[in-house]
Amino acid sequence: MRSEELKYRITFQKLQSVVNDNGFEIEEWIDFKNVWAKVANLHGKEYFEAAAVQKENTVKFVIRYTDGIDADMRILFKGKQYNITSIDNIKYANKFIEIKAVEVEVDG
């Protein structure tokens, strides 16, 4: 993986409890970290495995290794939301992380 392949900006968000103006506790998505990423659609065997479980809108993100990223977060990319389905610290080298995420259909 070369650094110049990380050319898309993505935002990780995590769900946190916050107190609203009325004093009630609500859950809200809060920006956690903005990073550069390589973004690719699944193809070949990966695509067919995802399609078999109705996850055709799965996208693969590769980022530099970053502490604190977990599967309870979501990703914002080009105005769309993605729920994380898997995280792989590639070869346990703490250099790059491959994340697979499913696009969330937002009712508009």
C-alpha atoms as a PDB file:
ATOM      1  CA  MET A   1       0.000   0.000   0.000  1.00  0.00           C
ATOM      2  CA  ARG A   2       1.364   3.391  -0.980  1.00  0.00           C
ATOM      3  CA  SER A   3       0.402   6.613   0.800  1.00  0.00           C
ATOM      4  CA  GLU A   4      -0.748   8.255  -2.442  1.00  0.00           C
ATOM      5  CA  GLU A   5      -3.524   5.647  -2.709  1.00  0.00           C
ATOM      6  CA  LEU A   6      -5.146   7.166   0.398  1.00  0.00           C
ATOM      7  CA  LYS A   7      -6.864   9.971  -1.497  1.00  0.00           C
ATOM      8  CA  TYR A   8     -10.393  10.126  -0.067  1.00  0.00           C
ATOM      9  CA  ARG A   9     -11.380  11.879   3.158  1.00  0.00           C
ATOM     10  CA  ILE A  10     -13.697   9.886   5.435  1.00  0.00           C
ATOM     11  CA  THR A  11     -15.101  10.626   8.884  1.00  0.00           C
ATOM     12  CA  PHE A  12     -15.554   8.116  11.679  1.00  0.00           C
ATOM     13  CA  GLN A  13     -18.444   8.821  14.026  1.00  0.00           C
ATOM     14  CA  LYS A  14     -19.385   7.200  17.326  1.00  0.00           C
ATOM     15  CA  LEU A  15     -22.709   7.139  19.129  1.00  0.00           C
ATOM     16  CA  GLN A  16     -22.637   9.080  22.399  1.00  0.00           C
ATOM     17  CA  SER A  17     -25.168  10.060  25.005  1.00  0.00           C
ATOM     18  CA  VAL A  18     -25.558  13.839  25.255  1.00  0.00           C
ATOM     19  CA  VAL A  19     -27.930  16.087  27.172  1.00  0.00           C
ATOM     20  CA  ASN A  20     -30.174  18.159  24.910  1.00  0.00           C
ATOM     21  CA  ASP A  21     -31.469  21.706  25.537  1.00  0.00           C
ATOM     22  CA  ASN A  22     -34.435  20.323  27.511  1.00  0.00           C
ATOM     23  CA  GLY A  23     -32.186  18.375  29.875  1.00  0.00           C
ATOM     24  CA  PHE A  24     -32.990  14.968  28.408  1.00  0.00           C
ATOM     25  CA  GLU A  25     -30.285  12.451  27.588  1.00  0.00           C
ATOM     26  CA  ILE A  26     -30.301  11.448  23.920  1.00  0.00           C
ATOM     27  CA  GLU A  27     -27.951   9.448  21.724  1.00  0.00           C
ATOM     28  CA  GLU A  28     -26.243  11.354  18.937  1.00  0.00           C
ATOM     29  CA  TRP A  29     -23.567  10.573  16.330  1.00  0.00           C
ATOM     30  CA  ILE A  30     -20.427  12.592  17.146  1.00  0.00           C
ATOM     31  CA  ASP A  31     -17.411  12.987  14.838  1.00  0.00           C
ATOM     32  CA  PHE A  32     -14.502  10.922  16.176  1.00  0.00           C
ATOM     33  CA  LYS A  33     -11.761  11.281  13.569  1.00  0.00           C
ATOM     34  CA  ASN A  34     -11.202  12.392   9.957  1.00  0.00           C
ATOM     35  CA  VAL A  35      -8.690  10.299   8.008  1.00  0.00           C
ATOM     36  CA  TRP A  36      -7.435   9.687   4.472  1.00  0.00           C
ATOM     37  CA  ALA A  37      -8.562   6.398   2.926  1.00  0.00           C
ATOM     38  CA  LYS A  38      -8.410   4.197  -0.120  1.00  0.00           C
ATOM     39  CA  VAL A  39     -11.973   3.334  -1.109  1.00  0.00           C
ATOM     40  CA  ALA A  40     -12.989   0.404  -3.314  1.00  0.00           C
ATOM     41  CA  ASN A  41     -16.110  -1.532  -4.146  1.00  0.00           C
ATOM     42  CA  LEU A  42     -15.994  -5.257  -3.571  1.00  0.00           C
ATOM     43  CA  HIS A  43     -15.385  -7.432  -6.599  1.00  0.00           C
ATOM     44  CA  GLY A  44     -14.942 -11.079  -7.416  1.00  0.00           C
ATOM     45  CA  LYS A  45     -15.271 -13.550  -4.549  1.00  0.00           C
ATOM     46  CA  GLU A  46     -15.762 -10.792  -1.932  1.00  0.00           C
ATOM     47  CA  TYR A  47     -18.683  -9.313  -3.897  1.00  0.00           C
ATOM     48  CA  PHE A  48     -20.448 -12.649  -4.302  1.00  0.00           C
ATOM     49  CA  GLU A  49     -19.999 -13.495  -0.611  1.00  0.00           C
ATOM     50  CA  ALA A  50     -21.536 -10.127   0.348  1.00  0.00           C
ATOM     51  CA  ALA A  51     -24.364 -10.524  -2.187  1.00  0.00           C
ATOM     52  CA  ALA A  52     -25.217 -13.926  -0.722  1.00  0.00           C
ATOM     53  CA  VAL A  53     -26.207 -12.215   2.538  1.00  0.00           C
ATOM     54  CA  GLN A  54     -27.814  -9.154   0.869  1.00  0.00           C
ATOM     55  CA  LYS A  55     -24.873  -6.831   1.560  1.00  0.00           C
ATOM     56  CA  GLU A  56     -24.203  -5.786  -2.053  1.00  0.00           C
ATOM     57  CA  ASN A  57     -23.623  -2.175  -0.988  1.00  0.00           C
ATOM     58  CA  THR A  58     -20.489  -3.158   0.918  1.00  0.00           C
ATOM     59  CA  VAL A  59     -17.477  -0.898   0.440  1.00  0.00           C
ATOM     60  CA  LYS A  60     -13.875  -1.548   1.458  1.00  0.00           C
ATOM     61  CA  PHE A  61     -11.944   1.292   3.132  1.00  0.00           C
ATOM     62  CA  VAL A  62      -8.204   1.092   3.826  1.00  0.00           C
ATOM     63  CA  ILE A  63      -6.710   3.620   6.252  1.00  0.00           C
ATOM     64  CA  ARG A  64      -3.442   4.064   8.120  1.00  0.00           C
ATOM     65  CA  TYR A  65      -3.456   2.264  11.452  1.00  0.00           C
ATOM     66  CA  THR A  66      -5.374   4.333  14.000  1.00  0.00           C
ATOM     67  CA  ASP A  67      -6.139   3.478  17.628  1.00  0.00           C
ATOM     68  CA  GLY A  68      -9.730   3.602  18.789  1.00  0.00           C
ATOM     69  CA  ILE A  69     -11.537   2.470  15.634  1.00  0.00           C
ATOM     70  CA  ASP A  70     -14.192  -0.139  16.430  1.00  0.00           C
ATOM     71  CA  ALA A  71     -17.212  -1.831  14.858  1.00  0.00           C
ATOM     72  CA  ASP A  72     -19.700   0.279  16.859  1.00  0.00           C
ATOM     73  CA  MET A  73     -18.746   3.314  14.791  1.00  0.00           C
ATOM     74  CA  ARG A  74     -19.987   4.417  11.402  1.00  0.00           C
ATOM     75  CA  ILE A  75     -18.265   6.060   8.446  1.00  0.00           C
ATOM     76  CA  LEU A  76     -19.350   9.131   6.495  1.00  0.00           C
ATOM     77  CA  PHE A  77     -18.108   9.248   2.902  1.00  0.00           C
ATOM     78  CA  LYS A  78     -19.373  11.483   0.086  1.00  0.00           C
ATOM     79  CA  GLY A  79     -22.617  12.262   1.892  1.00  0.00           C
ATOM     80  CA  LYS A  80     -23.440   8.610   2.608  1.00  0.00           C
ATOM     81  CA  GLN A  81     -23.385   6.648   5.862  1.00  0.00           C
ATOM     82  CA  TYR A  82     -21.762   3.232   6.241  1.00  0.00           C
ATOM     83  CA  ASN A  83     -22.078   0.786   9.135  1.00  0.00           C
ATOM     84  CA  ILE A  84     -18.851  -1.095   9.836  1.00  0.00           C
ATOM     85  CA  THR A  85     -19.113  -4.875   9.422  1.00  0.00           C
ATOM     86  CA  SER A  86     -15.458  -5.898   9.815  1.00  0.00           C
ATOM     87  CA  ILE A  87     -12.092  -4.433  10.776  1.00  0.00           C
ATOM     88  CA  ASP A  88      -8.784  -6.070   9.839  1.00  0.00           C
ATOM     89  CA  ASN A  89      -5.404  -4.879  11.135  1.00  0.00           C
ATOM     90  CA  ILE A  90      -3.597  -6.073   8.006  1.00  0.00           C
ATOM     91  CA  LYS A  91      -1.018  -8.727   8.929  1.00  0.00           C
ATOM     92  CA  TYR A  92      -1.129  -7.378  12.528  1.00  0.00           C
ATOM     93  CA  ALA A  93       1.562  -4.913  11.428  1.00  0.00           C
ATOM     94  CA  ASN A  94      -0.173  -1.799  12.869  1.00  0.00           C
ATOM     95  CA  LYS A  95       0.396  -0.012   9.541  1.00  0.00           C
ATOM     96  CA  PHE A  96      -2.942  -0.234   7.713  1.00  0.00           C
ATOM     97  CA  ILE A  97      -6.500  -1.220   8.612  1.00  0.00           C
ATOM     98  CA  GLU A  98      -8.987  -2.663   6.116  1.00  0.00           C
ATOM     99  CA  ILE A  99     -12.593  -1.902   6.981  1.00  0.00           C
ATOM    100  CA  LYS A 100     -15.649  -3.335   5.264  1.00  0.00           C
ATOM    101  CA  ALA A 101     -18.831  -1.347   5.694  1.00  0.00           C
ATOM    102  CA  VAL A 102     -22.389  -1.490   4.398  1.00  0.00           C
ATOM    103  CA  GLU A 103     -24.114   1.607   3.038  1.00  0.00           C
ATOM    104  CA  VAL A 104     -27.066   2.676   5.175  1.00  0.00           C
ATOM    105  CA  GLU A 105     -30.260   3.521   3.316  1.00  0.00           C
ATOM    106  CA  VAL A 106     -31.412   6.858   4.723  1.00  0.00           C
ATOM    107  CA  ASP A 107     -35.101   7.683   4.427  1.00  0.00           C
ATOM    108  CA  GLY A 108     -35.393  11.128   2.957  1.00  0.00           C
END
